[in-house]
Amino acid sequence: MAHPQIAAFARLAKENSQPTRVLAGQTTLLSRTMHDIRYDAVHDEIFVKNALAQAILVFLGSAQGEESPIGIIQGPKTRLEGYVDRLDVDPVHNETYITHPE
């Protein structure tokens, strides 16, 4: 059984290319319900939506191995309840956007 992971590949990678690095493991808090991922080039951060945990995980752009998130957006005031699976980031205004099914 495959484990949840984020794999980074070289920009010009071709079929059967090995990833340049992999972010995986228990301390990453990644799950099988990751349906969206965004990269903020201004702040060098990776944003991943975890629908079942009702959370957005934030990693350093250089994260690899079993690195923990540098931030977690989660809790009753976030309105991340339900099955929210899309997100986007605005690095200019330093904001994170989600869709809400209501």
Protein backbone atom coordinates (compact mmCIF):
# COMPACT_ATOMS: atom_id res chain seq x y z
CA MET A 1 0.00 0.00 0.00
CA ALA A 2 1.34 3.43 -0.95
CA HIS A 3 1.89 6.05 1.72
CA PRO A 4 0.87 9.72 1.40
CA GLN A 5 3.74 11.74 0.01
CA ILE A 6 4.72 14.80 -1.96
CA ALA A 7 7.32 14.09 -4.61
CA ALA A 8 9.34 16.81 -6.36
CA PHE A 9 10.65 16.19 -9.86
CA ALA A 10 13.12 18.08 -12.03
CA ARG A 11 11.37 20.55 -14.33
CA LEU A 12 12.39 18.58 -17.42
CA ALA A 13 11.78 15.12 -15.94
CA LYS A 14 10.66 12.42 -18.33
CA GLU A 15 8.85 9.12 -17.81
CA ASN A 16 10.34 6.84 -15.15
CA SER A 17 12.34 9.74 -13.67
CA GLN A 18 13.14 9.49 -9.98
CA PRO A 19 11.96 12.35 -7.74
CA THR A 20 14.62 14.83 -6.65
CA ARG A 21 13.14 14.70 -3.14
CA VAL A 22 10.17 13.26 -1.29
CA LEU A 23 8.23 14.58 1.69
CA ALA A 24 6.59 11.67 3.54
CA GLY A 25 6.18 10.06 6.92
CA GLN A 26 4.13 10.33 10.06
CA THR A 27 5.50 13.68 11.25
CA THR A 28 4.45 15.40 8.00
CA LEU A 29 0.76 14.85 8.86
CA LEU A 30 0.05 14.17 5.18
CA SER A 31 -2.98 12.02 4.40
CA ARG A 32 -4.64 10.27 1.49
CA THR A 33 -7.17 13.10 1.20
CA MET A 34 -4.76 15.65 -0.28
CA HIS A 35 -6.59 16.95 -3.34
CA ASP A 36 -4.83 20.26 -3.88
CA ILE A 37 -1.35 21.66 -3.50
CA ARG A 38 0.02 25.15 -4.13
CA TYR A 39 3.48 26.67 -4.11
CA ASP A 40 4.12 30.24 -2.96
CA ALA A 41 7.34 31.27 -4.73
CA VAL A 42 7.55 34.61 -2.90
CA HIS A 43 7.71 32.99 0.55
CA ASP A 44 9.06 29.60 -0.65
CA GLU A 45 6.22 27.66 0.99
CA ILE A 46 4.11 24.66 -0.01
CA PHE A 47 0.41 24.61 0.96
CA VAL A 48 -1.48 21.30 1.10
CA LYS A 49 -5.18 20.87 1.90
CA ASN A 50 -5.99 17.91 4.15
CA ALA A 51 -9.76 17.50 3.80
CA LEU A 52 -10.40 14.87 6.48
CA ALA A 53 -8.33 16.74 9.07
CA GLN A 54 -10.05 19.98 8.03
CA ALA A 55 -6.65 21.63 7.82
CA ILE A 56 -4.18 23.35 5.55
CA LEU A 57 -0.58 22.25 6.08
CA VAL A 58 2.27 24.66 5.29
CA PHE A 59 5.78 23.37 4.55
CA LEU A 60 9.05 25.04 3.67
CA GLY A 61 9.64 24.92 -0.07
CA SER A 62 12.79 22.88 0.57
CA ALA A 63 11.08 20.36 2.89
CA GLN A 64 11.96 16.71 2.43
CA GLY A 65 11.95 13.46 4.34
CA GLU A 66 9.85 13.50 7.51
CA GLU A 67 9.83 17.27 8.08
CA SER A 68 6.91 18.60 10.09
CA PRO A 69 4.77 21.43 8.72
CA ILE A 70 5.93 24.92 9.68
CA GLY A 71 2.30 25.93 10.04
CA ILE A 72 -1.14 24.38 10.32
CA ILE A 73 -4.35 26.30 9.63
CA GLN A 74 -7.03 24.41 11.54
CA GLY A 75 -9.80 24.93 14.07
CA PRO A 76 -13.45 25.93 14.44
CA LYS A 77 -12.95 29.60 13.47
CA THR A 78 -11.34 28.72 10.11
CA ARG A 79 -14.60 27.44 8.52
CA LEU A 80 -12.67 24.48 7.13
CA GLU A 81 -15.43 22.09 8.20
CA GLY A 82 -16.91 19.69 5.68
CA TYR A 83 -15.21 18.41 2.59
CA VAL A 84 -13.24 21.43 1.39
CA ASP A 85 -10.62 20.26 -1.07
CA ARG A 86 -9.51 23.27 -3.14
CA LEU A 87 -7.19 26.08 -2.14
CA ASP A 88 -5.11 28.87 -3.60
CA VAL A 89 -2.53 31.30 -2.27
CA ASP A 90 -1.97 35.00 -2.92
CA PRO A 91 1.66 35.74 -2.02
CA VAL A 92 1.27 39.48 -2.73
CA HIS A 93 -1.43 39.94 -0.09
CA ASN A 94 -0.18 37.04 2.05
CA GLU A 95 -3.57 35.25 1.98
CA THR A 96 -4.78 31.68 1.52
CA TYR A 97 -8.12 30.98 -0.18
CA ILE A 98 -10.39 27.95 0.05
CA THR A 99 -13.68 27.02 -1.61
CA HIS A 100 -16.59 26.30 0.68
CA PRO A 101 -19.47 23.99 -0.31
CA GLU A 102 -22.22 26.06 1.39
